Amino acid sequence: HIPNGTCRLYSCYYEKGLAVVQRFTTKRPHCNSDDSKTMVSLKLQKRLAASVLKCGQRKIWLDPNEIGEISLANSRRNIARYHRDGLIIKKPTVVHSRARVALRNEAKRKGRHTGIGKRRGTANARLPMKVIWMRRTRVLRRLLRKMRDAKKIDKHIYHTLYMLAKGNHFKNKRVLLENIHDKKREMAEEKALAEQAVARKSRARARLQRKAARDNAKSAAEPSE
């Protein structure tokens, strides 16, 4: 004995199954050839257009309203003619704007967006010590060469300071300039001391000469025995 509700459920499934079978087994009328639109392959035309316009095939635009006429073009001369007529166009280059990058770089030059959270490498990787050394050394050597050519320092001071700069003695250009001034002041003092010494020696020599002349005159004035 099957309950009435169960029979009703089975009958519902049976009716649905019949409907499904009928839907898939019903023959559909074929579409007429006039109604259906046949797709035309334009691979040849795109390849020729890309060769004529000197670009990639993805940059070629074919007029969708003139597909039939374009499909008849089988030479580069025809493609060039369609290009002059406007049926085939080379798409413009897609603009990849750098405006936002320029704004961000300008902000970075002011120090923005460069905090701890924005750094992905070590300090030496971000700005190598070798690069810092090269920049500082070139600045110092350029200054020394400029002052030597301007006759502000002689070749001896130049060589001494050049070797000190090579030995990482100067932190920056200001320190080098201070050292140059100190060297020039020391040389001026040494020169002044040397001149004073020469003057003292010349005065002492003159004094001795005068004394010797007096002694000679005195001895010549005394009567001989």
C-alpha atoms as a PDB file:
ATOM      1  CA  HIS A   1       0.000   0.000   0.000  1.00  0.00           C
ATOM      2  CA  ILE A   2       1.508   3.390  -1.101  1.00  0.00           C
ATOM      3  CA  PRO A   3       0.238   6.535   0.577  1.00  0.00           C
ATOM      4  CA  ASN A   4      -1.661   9.026  -1.512  1.00  0.00           C
ATOM      5  CA  GLY A   5       0.959  11.732  -1.003  1.00  0.00           C
ATOM      6  CA  THR A   6       3.742   9.442  -2.291  1.00  0.00           C
ATOM      7  CA  CYS A   7       1.778   8.556  -5.472  1.00  0.00           C
ATOM      8  CA  ARG A   8       1.176  12.210  -6.109  1.00  0.00           C
ATOM      9  CA  LEU A   9       4.947  12.906  -5.751  1.00  0.00           C
ATOM     10  CA  TYR A  10       5.907  10.089  -8.159  1.00  0.00           C
ATOM     11  CA  SER A  11       3.382  11.283 -10.712  1.00  0.00           C
ATOM     12  CA  CYS A  12       4.861  14.806 -10.543  1.00  0.00           C
ATOM     13  CA  TYR A  13       8.388  13.493 -11.200  1.00  0.00           C
ATOM     14  CA  TYR A  14       7.051  11.365 -14.076  1.00  0.00           C
ATOM     15  CA  GLU A  15       5.375  14.345 -15.731  1.00  0.00           C
ATOM     16  CA  LYS A  16       8.543  16.431 -15.398  1.00  0.00           C
ATOM     17  CA  GLY A  17      10.625  13.659 -16.917  1.00  0.00           C
ATOM     18  CA  LEU A  18       8.313  13.395 -19.895  1.00  0.00           C
ATOM     19  CA  ALA A  19       8.533  17.141 -20.430  1.00  0.00           C
ATOM     20  CA  VAL A  20      12.340  17.022 -20.376  1.00  0.00           C
ATOM     21  CA  VAL A  21      12.502  14.123 -22.797  1.00  0.00           C
ATOM     22  CA  GLN A  22      10.036  15.798 -25.130  1.00  0.00           C
ATOM     23  CA  ARG A  23      12.050  19.035 -25.093  1.00  0.00           C
ATOM     24  CA  PHE A  24      15.313  17.337 -26.079  1.00  0.00           C
ATOM     25  CA  THR A  25      13.791  15.013 -28.662  1.00  0.00           C
ATOM     26  CA  THR A  26      11.740  17.666 -30.478  1.00  0.00           C
ATOM     27  CA  LYS A  27      13.291  18.520 -33.838  1.00  0.00           C
ATOM     28  CA  ARG A  28      14.079  22.177 -34.329  1.00  0.00           C
ATOM     29  CA  PRO A  29      13.620  23.780 -37.737  1.00  0.00           C
ATOM     30  CA  HIS A  30      16.932  24.585 -39.451  1.00  0.00           C
ATOM     31  CA  CYS A  31      17.712  28.207 -40.136  1.00  0.00           C
ATOM     32  CA  ASN A  32      17.687  29.269 -43.748  1.00  0.00           C
ATOM     33  CA  SER A  33      20.999  30.255 -45.366  1.00  0.00           C
ATOM     34  CA  ASP A  34      19.692  33.734 -46.065  1.00  0.00           C
ATOM     35  CA  ASP A  35      18.957  34.476 -42.400  1.00  0.00           C
ATOM     36  CA  SER A  36      22.291  33.273 -41.016  1.00  0.00           C
ATOM     37  CA  LYS A  37      25.334  35.495 -41.411  1.00  0.00           C
ATOM     38  CA  THR A  38      28.523  33.724 -42.395  1.00  0.00           C
ATOM     39  CA  MET A  39      31.667  34.881 -40.549  1.00  0.00           C
ATOM     40  CA  VAL A  40      34.469  36.088 -42.807  1.00  0.00           C
ATOM     41  CA  SER A  41      38.075  35.473 -41.792  1.00  0.00           C
ATOM     42  CA  LEU A  42      40.192  38.577 -42.065  1.00  0.00           C
ATOM     43  CA  LYS A  43      43.471  37.167 -40.751  1.00  0.00           C
ATOM     44  CA  LEU A  44      45.183  37.716 -44.103  1.00  0.00           C
ATOM     45  CA  GLN A  45      43.995  41.310 -44.339  1.00  0.00           C
ATOM     46  CA  LYS A  46      45.127  42.062 -40.781  1.00  0.00           C
ATOM     47  CA  ARG A  47      48.543  40.579 -41.441  1.00  0.00           C
ATOM     48  CA  LEU A  48      48.986  42.564 -44.635  1.00  0.00           C
ATOM     49  CA  ALA A  49      47.721  45.754 -42.979  1.00  0.00           C
ATOM     50  CA  ALA A  50      50.171  45.293 -40.099  1.00  0.00           C
ATOM     51  CA  SER A  51      52.979  44.906 -42.637  1.00  0.00           C
ATOM     52  CA  VAL A  52      51.925  47.980 -44.619  1.00  0.00           C
ATOM     53  CA  LEU A  53      51.324  50.230 -41.589  1.00  0.00           C
ATOM     54  CA  LYS A  54      54.389  48.924 -39.727  1.00  0.00           C
ATOM     55  CA  CYS A  55      52.638  47.986 -36.510  1.00  0.00           C
ATOM     56  CA  GLY A  56      51.221  44.950 -34.758  1.00  0.00           C
ATOM     57  CA  GLN A  57      48.017  43.238 -35.747  1.00  0.00           C
ATOM     58  CA  ARG A  58      46.372  44.323 -32.509  1.00  0.00           C
ATOM     59  CA  LYS A  59      46.735  47.938 -33.677  1.00  0.00           C
ATOM     60  CA  ILE A  60      44.759  47.352 -36.878  1.00  0.00           C
ATOM     61  CA  TRP A  61      41.124  48.514 -37.059  1.00  0.00           C
ATOM     62  CA  LEU A  62      38.913  47.228 -39.856  1.00  0.00           C
ATOM     63  CA  ASP A  63      35.651  48.976 -40.662  1.00  0.00           C
ATOM     64  CA  PRO A  64      32.894  46.530 -39.582  1.00  0.00           C
ATOM     65  CA  ASN A  65      30.493  48.010 -42.128  1.00  0.00           C
ATOM     66  CA  GLU A  66      32.843  47.197 -45.022  1.00  0.00           C
ATOM     67  CA  ILE A  67      33.840  43.653 -44.082  1.00  0.00           C
ATOM     68  CA  GLY A  68      32.771  42.238 -47.427  1.00  0.00           C
ATOM     69  CA  GLU A  69      34.828  44.694 -49.424  1.00  0.00           C
ATOM     70  CA  ILE A  70      37.863  44.396 -47.138  1.00  0.00           C
ATOM     71  CA  SER A  71      37.762  40.595 -47.393  1.00  0.00           C
ATOM     72  CA  LEU A  72      38.402  40.883 -51.145  1.00  0.00           C
ATOM     73  CA  ALA A  73      41.729  42.661 -50.586  1.00  0.00           C
ATOM     74  CA  ASN A  74      44.509  40.148 -51.078  1.00  0.00           C
ATOM     75  CA  SER A  75      47.485  42.423 -51.771  1.00  0.00           C
ATOM     76  CA  ARG A  76      49.369  45.167 -50.002  1.00  0.00           C
ATOM     77  CA  ARG A  77      48.398  47.643 -52.714  1.00  0.00           C
ATOM     78  CA  ASN A  78      44.700  47.076 -51.998  1.00  0.00           C
ATOM     79  CA  ILE A  79      45.333  47.349 -48.266  1.00  0.00           C
ATOM     80  CA  ALA A  80      47.140  50.684 -48.786  1.00  0.00           C
ATOM     81  CA  ARG A  81      44.234  51.949 -50.878  1.00  0.00           C
ATOM     82  CA  TYR A  82      41.716  50.969 -48.163  1.00  0.00           C
ATOM     83  CA  HIS A  83      43.932  52.716 -45.630  1.00  0.00           C
ATOM     84  CA  ARG A  84      43.799  55.916 -47.685  1.00  0.00           C
ATOM     85  CA  ASP A  85      40.030  55.563 -47.965  1.00  0.00           C
ATOM     86  CA  GLY A  86      39.699  55.148 -44.190  1.00  0.00           C
ATOM     87  CA  LEU A  87      38.444  51.542 -44.185  1.00  0.00           C
ATOM     88  CA  ILE A  88      41.602  50.351 -42.445  1.00  0.00           C
ATOM     89  CA  ILE A  89      43.058  52.480 -39.665  1.00  0.00           C
ATOM     90  CA  LYS A  90      46.063  52.173 -37.394  1.00  0.00           C
ATOM     91  CA  LYS A  91      44.883  52.617 -33.825  1.00  0.00           C
ATOM     92  CA  PRO A  92      46.608  55.400 -31.865  1.00  0.00           C
ATOM     93  CA  THR A  93      49.172  54.569 -29.225  1.00  0.00           C
ATOM     94  CA  VAL A  94      47.645  54.076 -25.813  1.00  0.00           C
ATOM     95  CA  VAL A  95      48.844  56.848 -23.528  1.00  0.00           C
ATOM     96  CA  HIS A  96      50.469  55.646 -20.321  1.00  0.00           C
ATOM     97  CA  SER A  97      50.492  58.837 -18.312  1.00  0.00           C
ATOM     98  CA  ARG A  98      53.522  59.633 -16.140  1.00  0.00           C
ATOM     99  CA  ALA A  99      51.879  62.626 -14.455  1.00  0.00           C
ATOM    100  CA  ARG A 100      51.179  60.798 -11.204  1.00  0.00           C
ATOM    101  CA  VAL A 101      54.713  59.415 -11.128  1.00  0.00           C
ATOM    102  CA  ALA A 102      56.132  62.904 -11.620  1.00  0.00           C
ATOM    103  CA  LEU A 103      54.042  64.253  -8.762  1.00  0.00           C
ATOM    104  CA  ARG A 104      55.146  61.437  -6.475  1.00  0.00           C
ATOM    105  CA  ASN A 105      58.805  61.900  -7.382  1.00  0.00           C
ATOM    106  CA  GLU A 106      58.510  65.612  -6.674  1.00  0.00           C
ATOM    107  CA  ALA A 107      57.038  64.800  -3.266  1.00  0.00           C
ATOM    108  CA  LYS A 108      59.845  62.302  -2.644  1.00  0.00           C
ATOM    109  CA  ARG A 109      62.426  64.982  -3.382  1.00  0.00           C
ATOM    110  CA  LYS A 110      60.828  66.958  -0.563  1.00  0.00           C
ATOM    111  CA  GLY A 111      61.165  63.939   1.727  1.00  0.00           C
ATOM    112  CA  ARG A 112      57.636  62.550   1.586  1.00  0.00           C
ATOM    113  CA  HIS A 113      56.914  58.826   1.228  1.00  0.00           C
ATOM    114  CA  THR A 114      60.443  57.881   2.338  1.00  0.00           C
ATOM    115  CA  GLY A 115      59.841  56.831   5.932  1.00  0.00           C
ATOM    116  CA  ILE A 116      60.797  53.567   7.606  1.00  0.00           C
ATOM    117  CA  GLY A 117      57.776  51.773   6.196  1.00  0.00           C
ATOM    118  CA  LYS A 118      58.678  52.657   2.598  1.00  0.00           C
ATOM    119  CA  ARG A 119      62.247  51.308   2.670  1.00  0.00           C
ATOM    120  CA  ARG A 120      62.793  47.841   1.212  1.00  0.00           C
ATOM    121  CA  GLY A 121      66.589  47.585   1.352  1.00  0.00           C
ATOM    122  CA  THR A 122      69.511  48.238   3.675  1.00  0.00           C
ATOM    123  CA  ALA A 123      71.059  51.672   3.837  1.00  0.00           C
ATOM    124  CA  ASN A 124      74.072  50.449   1.869  1.00  0.00           C
ATOM    125  CA  ALA A 125      71.798  48.937  -0.781  1.00  0.00           C
ATOM    126  CA  ARG A 126      69.743  52.121  -1.146  1.00  0.00           C
ATOM    127  CA  LEU A 127      72.825  54.391  -1.347  1.00  0.00           C
ATOM    128  CA  PRO A 128      76.097  52.415  -1.462  1.00  0.00           C
ATOM    129  CA  MET A 129      79.058  53.659   0.523  1.00  0.00           C
ATOM    130  CA  LYS A 130      81.167  53.341  -2.612  1.00  0.00           C
ATOM    131  CA  VAL A 131      78.952  55.848  -4.418  1.00  0.00           C
ATOM    132  CA  ILE A 132      79.227  58.259  -1.489  1.00  0.00           C
ATOM    133  CA  TRP A 133      83.008  57.831  -1.499  1.00  0.00           C
ATOM    134  CA  MET A 134      83.220  58.446  -5.266  1.00  0.00           C
ATOM    135  CA  ARG A 135      81.119  61.591  -5.076  1.00  0.00           C
ATOM    136  CA  ARG A 136      83.057  63.056  -2.144  1.00  0.00           C
ATOM    137  CA  THR A 137      86.447  62.197  -3.656  1.00  0.00           C
ATOM    138  CA  ARG A 138      85.555  63.752  -6.995  1.00  0.00           C
ATOM    139  CA  VAL A 139      84.400  66.944  -5.269  1.00  0.00           C
ATOM    140  CA  LEU A 140      87.616  67.201  -3.235  1.00  0.00           C
ATOM    141  CA  ARG A 141      89.916  66.446  -6.165  1.00  0.00           C
ATOM    142  CA  ARG A 142      88.066  68.897  -8.379  1.00  0.00           C
ATOM    143  CA  LEU A 143      88.519  71.624  -5.764  1.00  0.00           C
ATOM    144  CA  LEU A 144      92.241  70.875  -5.380  1.00  0.00           C
ATOM    145  CA  ARG A 145      92.770  70.893  -9.137  1.00  0.00           C
ATOM    146  CA  LYS A 146      90.872  74.166  -9.508  1.00  0.00           C
ATOM    147  CA  MET A 147      92.893  75.914  -6.780  1.00  0.00           C
ATOM    148  CA  ARG A 148      96.173  74.592  -8.180  1.00  0.00           C
ATOM    149  CA  ASP A 149      95.354  75.850 -11.676  1.00  0.00           C
ATOM    150  CA  ALA A 150      94.386  79.233 -10.202  1.00  0.00           C
ATOM    151  CA  LYS A 151      97.830  79.423  -8.497  1.00  0.00           C
ATOM    152  CA  LYS A 152      96.189  79.635  -5.076  1.00  0.00           C
ATOM    153  CA  ILE A 153      98.186  76.642  -3.854  1.00  0.00           C
ATOM    154  CA  ASP A 154     101.494  75.295  -5.087  1.00  0.00           C
ATOM    155  CA  LYS A 155     102.201  71.761  -6.221  1.00  0.00           C
ATOM    156  CA  HIS A 156     103.588  70.726  -2.837  1.00  0.00           C
ATOM    157  CA  ILE A 157     100.415  71.656  -0.937  1.00  0.00           C
ATOM    158  CA  TYR A 158      98.388  70.082  -3.736  1.00  0.00           C
ATOM    159  CA  HIS A 159     100.196  66.763  -3.430  1.00  0.00           C
ATOM    160  CA  THR A 160     100.022  66.731   0.363  1.00  0.00           C
ATOM    161  CA  LEU A 161      96.290  67.454   0.436  1.00  0.00           C
ATOM    162  CA  TYR A 162      95.637  65.042  -2.440  1.00  0.00           C
ATOM    163  CA  MET A 163      97.154  62.175  -0.489  1.00  0.00           C
ATOM    164  CA  LEU A 164      95.253  63.204   2.655  1.00  0.00           C
ATOM    165  CA  ALA A 165      92.007  63.221   0.676  1.00  0.00           C
ATOM    166  CA  LYS A 166      92.836  59.765  -0.648  1.00  0.00           C
ATOM    167  CA  GLY A 167      93.283  58.593   2.933  1.00  0.00           C
ATOM    168  CA  ASN A 168      89.753  59.747   3.903  1.00  0.00           C
ATOM    169  CA  HIS A 169      91.104  62.631   5.940  1.00  0.00           C
ATOM    170  CA  PHE A 170      88.503  65.207   4.882  1.00  0.00           C
ATOM    171  CA  LYS A 171      84.814  64.813   5.604  1.00  0.00           C
ATOM    172  CA  ASN A 172      83.634  67.344   3.042  1.00  0.00           C
ATOM    173  CA  LYS A 173      84.718  70.352   0.987  1.00  0.00           C
ATOM    174  CA  ARG A 174      84.369  72.771   3.899  1.00  0.00           C
ATOM    175  CA  VAL A 175      86.905  70.837   5.960  1.00  0.00           C
ATOM    176  CA  LEU A 176      89.272  70.736   2.993  1.00  0.00           C
ATOM    177  CA  LEU A 177      88.995  74.497   2.505  1.00  0.00           C
ATOM    178  CA  GLU A 178      89.736  75.078   6.181  1.00  0.00           C
ATOM    179  CA  ASN A 179      92.794  72.849   5.885  1.00  0.00           C
ATOM    180  CA  ILE A 180      93.940  74.720   2.792  1.00  0.00           C
ATOM    181  CA  HIS A 181      93.665  78.041   4.638  1.00  0.00           C
ATOM    182  CA  ASP A 182      95.556  76.566   7.593  1.00  0.00           C
ATOM    183  CA  LYS A 183      98.296  75.303   5.269  1.00  0.00           C
ATOM    184  CA  LYS A 184      98.601  78.667   3.556  1.00  0.00           C
ATOM    185  CA  ARG A 185      98.715  80.453   6.915  1.00  0.00           C
ATOM    186  CA  GLU A 186     101.406  78.082   8.164  1.00  0.00           C
ATOM    187  CA  MET A 187     103.422  78.604   5.016  1.00  0.00           C
ATOM    188  CA  ALA A 188     103.049  82.375   5.336  1.00  0.00           C
ATOM    189  CA  GLU A 189     104.213  82.215   8.960  1.00  0.00           C
ATOM    190  CA  GLU A 190     107.153  80.015   8.032  1.00  0.00           C
ATOM    191  CA  LYS A 191     108.072  82.380   5.225  1.00  0.00           C
ATOM    192  CA  ALA A 192     107.854  85.365   7.554  1.00  0.00           C
ATOM    193  CA  LEU A 193     109.989  83.619  10.152  1.00  0.00           C
ATOM    194  CA  ALA A 194     112.529  82.696   7.500  1.00  0.00           C
ATOM    195  CA  GLU A 195     112.661  86.294   6.289  1.00  0.00           C
ATOM    196  CA  GLN A 196     113.092  87.498   9.856  1.00  0.00           C
ATOM    197  CA  ALA A 197     115.891  84.997  10.378  1.00  0.00           C
ATOM    198  CA  VAL A 198     117.623  86.155   7.211  1.00  0.00           C
ATOM    199  CA  ALA A 199     117.229  89.770   8.311  1.00  0.00           C
ATOM    200  CA  ARG A 200     118.691  88.983  11.738  1.00  0.00           C
ATOM    201  CA  LYS A 201     121.599  87.185  10.176  1.00  0.00           C
ATOM    202  CA  SER A 202     122.268  90.042   7.780  1.00  0.00           C
ATOM    203  CA  ARG A 203     122.131  92.557  10.629  1.00  0.00           C
ATOM    204  CA  ALA A 204     124.455  90.434  12.751  1.00  0.00           C
ATOM    205  CA  ARG A 205     126.843  90.045   9.819  1.00  0.00           C
ATOM    206  CA  ALA A 206     126.809  93.808   9.241  1.00  0.00           C
ATOM    207  CA  ARG A 207     127.411  94.385  12.952  1.00  0.00           C
ATOM    208  CA  LEU A 208     130.353  92.035  12.934  1.00  0.00           C
ATOM    209  CA  GLN A 209     131.736  93.687   9.841  1.00  0.00           C
ATOM    210  CA  ARG A 210     131.474  97.110  11.471  1.00  0.00           C
ATOM    211  CA  LYS A 211     133.149  95.819  14.606  1.00  0.00           C
ATOM    212  CA  ALA A 212     135.937  94.267  12.572  1.00  0.00           C
ATOM    213  CA  ALA A 213     136.389  97.541  10.696  1.00  0.00           C
ATOM    214  CA  ARG A 214     136.605  99.446  13.974  1.00  0.00           C
ATOM    215  CA  ASP A 215     139.095  97.004  15.340  1.00  0.00           C
ATOM    216  CA  ASN A 216     141.216  97.268  12.207  1.00  0.00           C
ATOM    217  CA  ALA A 217     141.094 101.042  12.333  1.00  0.00           C
ATOM    218  CA  LYS A 218     142.013 101.042  16.010  1.00  0.00           C
ATOM    219  CA  SER A 219     144.924  98.717  15.487  1.00  0.00           C
ATOM    220  CA  ALA A 220     146.186 100.811  12.583  1.00  0.00           C
ATOM    221  CA  ALA A 221     146.047 103.998  14.695  1.00  0.00           C
ATOM    222  CA  GLU A 222     148.210 102.532  17.511  1.00  0.00           C
ATOM    223  CA  PRO A 223     152.042 103.244  17.116  1.00  0.00           C
ATOM    224  CA  SER A 224     154.115 100.326  16.192  1.00  0.00           C
ATOM    225  CA  GLU A 225     156.717  99.247  18.681  1.00  0.00           C
END
